[in-house]
Amino acid sequence: MNRAEWEALCDGCGKCCLNKLEDEDTGEVALTRVACRLFDDSTCRCSQYPIRHQFVPECIVMTPRNIGDHAYWLPDTCGYKRLWQGRPLEPWHPLISGRVDSVHEAGISMQHQTVSEFEVADEDWEDHIIEDD
């Protein structure tokens, strides 16, 4: 799989760009509505994707080699995770539907549901935990 094919597995839900809270005792990961400072709430994409590491050095570059290290915090709907688990992509995935907006229409994305990390103090992230199916 070449880089463009790999990148196409991203369904555009935006959940990987949400700040997460991990319970040190259980390892359970909770998603919050608090999005990375570069997240575009309208498109559910990084506003500076090609140069994001200049602003957010800790941003993870998902690759076929490291997906196993990160799959635990990805949503079950994630195309990368599903491929890694040997499961098919969801019917609403843009590669299946042929439409970029199908992820939003299916209600899977975080479109218009986030707050910027600039607006919420770290200690208040727990107030923004969301349930993820």
Protein backbone atom coordinates (compact mmCIF):
# COMPACT_ATOMS: atom_id res chain seq x y z
CA MET A 1 0.00 0.00 0.00
CA ASN A 2 1.47 3.34 -0.98
CA ARG A 3 1.23 6.51 1.12
CA ALA A 4 -1.79 7.92 -0.75
CA GLU A 5 -3.69 4.65 -0.34
CA TRP A 6 -2.83 4.57 3.35
CA GLU A 7 -3.94 8.17 3.84
CA ALA A 8 -7.23 7.37 2.08
CA LEU A 9 -8.09 4.99 4.92
CA CYS A 10 -8.74 8.04 7.11
CA ASP A 11 -12.52 8.43 7.16
CA GLY A 12 -12.37 12.06 8.30
CA CYS A 13 -14.25 11.55 11.57
CA GLY A 14 -11.79 13.75 13.48
CA LYS A 15 -11.75 11.58 16.60
CA CYS A 16 -8.00 11.02 16.47
CA CYS A 17 -7.59 14.81 16.80
CA LEU A 18 -9.50 14.92 20.08
CA ASN A 19 -7.62 15.14 23.33
CA LYS A 20 -7.97 11.99 25.35
CA LEU A 21 -7.80 11.11 29.01
CA GLU A 22 -6.28 7.76 29.95
CA ASP A 23 -6.93 6.11 33.32
CA GLU A 24 -3.50 5.14 34.66
CA ASP A 25 -4.92 2.16 36.58
CA THR A 26 -7.18 0.59 33.94
CA GLY A 27 -5.70 1.95 30.70
CA GLU A 28 -9.22 2.99 29.67
CA VAL A 29 -9.21 5.92 27.25
CA ALA A 30 -11.94 8.56 27.25
CA LEU A 31 -12.45 10.92 24.33
CA THR A 32 -13.16 14.56 25.03
CA ARG A 33 -14.72 17.25 22.85
CA VAL A 34 -11.49 19.19 23.34
CA ALA A 35 -9.80 19.20 19.94
CA CYS A 36 -6.25 19.85 18.89
CA ARG A 37 -5.52 23.50 18.20
CA LEU A 38 -5.14 22.70 14.49
CA PHE A 39 -8.43 20.84 14.12
CA ASP A 40 -10.96 22.40 11.74
CA ASP A 41 -14.37 21.71 13.29
CA SER A 42 -16.15 22.22 9.96
CA THR A 43 -14.12 19.84 7.80
CA CYS A 44 -12.92 17.48 10.56
CA ARG A 45 -9.42 17.76 9.14
CA CYS A 46 -6.15 19.23 10.33
CA SER A 47 -5.86 22.82 9.16
CA GLN A 48 -2.07 22.46 8.81
CA TYR A 49 -1.69 18.76 8.04
CA PRO A 50 1.51 18.91 5.90
CA ILE A 51 3.34 21.04 8.50
CA ARG A 52 1.47 20.04 11.67
CA HIS A 53 4.61 18.88 13.49
CA GLN A 54 5.92 22.44 13.45
CA PHE A 55 2.99 23.37 15.72
CA VAL A 56 2.20 20.06 17.44
CA PRO A 57 5.41 18.01 17.61
CA GLU A 58 3.68 15.22 19.53
CA CYS A 59 1.12 14.60 16.75
CA ILE A 60 1.26 10.91 15.91
CA VAL A 61 1.92 9.83 12.35
CA MET A 62 -0.10 6.65 11.95
CA THR A 63 1.68 4.05 9.82
CA PRO A 64 1.15 0.37 9.08
CA ARG A 65 4.15 -0.30 11.35
CA ASN A 66 2.90 1.58 14.41
CA ILE A 67 -0.88 1.04 14.22
CA GLY A 68 -0.60 -1.78 16.77
CA ASP A 69 0.83 0.66 19.31
CA HIS A 70 -2.06 3.10 18.89
CA ALA A 71 -5.11 1.02 17.98
CA TYR A 72 -6.29 0.87 21.61
CA TRP A 73 -7.25 4.56 21.61
CA LEU A 74 -8.68 4.73 18.10
CA PRO A 75 -12.47 4.42 17.75
CA ASP A 76 -13.79 1.04 16.58
CA THR A 77 -15.05 2.74 13.42
CA CYS A 78 -11.56 3.92 12.39
CA GLY A 79 -10.52 2.64 8.96
CA TYR A 80 -6.92 2.15 10.10
CA LYS A 81 -7.99 0.11 13.10
CA ARG A 82 -10.54 -1.93 11.15
CA LEU A 83 -7.98 -2.83 8.47
CA TRP A 84 -5.43 -3.76 11.15
CA GLN A 85 -8.05 -5.99 12.80
CA GLY A 86 -8.92 -7.61 9.48
CA ARG A 87 -12.44 -6.12 9.45
CA PRO A 88 -14.12 -4.39 6.49
CA LEU A 89 -14.62 -0.65 6.28
CA GLU A 90 -18.01 0.68 7.35
CA PRO A 91 -20.62 1.32 4.61
CA TRP A 92 -20.41 5.08 5.25
CA HIS A 93 -16.61 5.16 4.83
CA PRO A 94 -15.74 7.52 1.95
CA LEU A 95 -13.85 4.75 0.13
CA ILE A 96 -17.02 2.63 0.15
CA SER A 97 -19.65 5.36 -0.31
CA GLY A 98 -17.60 7.37 -2.80
CA ARG A 99 -18.52 10.57 -0.93
CA VAL A 100 -16.40 12.52 1.55
CA ASP A 101 -19.46 13.75 3.47
CA SER A 102 -20.87 10.28 4.14
CA VAL A 103 -19.01 10.10 7.47
CA HIS A 104 -20.74 13.32 8.57
CA GLU A 105 -24.14 12.25 7.24
CA ALA A 106 -23.84 8.98 9.19
CA GLY A 107 -23.28 10.97 12.40
CA ILE A 108 -19.88 9.40 12.99
CA SER A 109 -17.75 12.53 12.77
CA MET A 110 -17.10 15.27 15.28
CA GLN A 111 -18.21 17.95 12.84
CA HIS A 112 -19.42 21.06 14.72
CA GLN A 113 -19.11 19.29 18.10
CA THR A 114 -15.70 20.29 19.43
CA VAL A 115 -14.09 23.04 21.45
CA SER A 116 -10.51 24.14 20.90
CA GLU A 117 -7.87 23.21 23.44
CA PHE A 118 -7.17 26.94 23.66
CA GLU A 119 -10.64 27.42 25.19
CA VAL A 120 -10.50 24.75 27.91
CA ALA A 121 -8.00 24.47 30.75
CA ASP A 122 -6.35 21.05 31.04
CA GLU A 123 -7.93 20.46 34.43
CA ASP A 124 -11.40 20.95 32.92
CA TRP A 125 -11.07 18.32 30.17
CA GLU A 126 -13.04 15.82 32.26
CA ASP A 127 -16.07 18.11 31.90
CA HIS A 128 -15.92 17.45 28.13
CA ILE A 129 -15.76 13.63 28.05
CA ILE A 130 -17.99 12.13 25.38
CA GLU A 131 -19.42 8.66 24.98
CA ASP A 132 -18.05 6.90 21.92
CA ASP A 133 -19.84 3.96 20.36
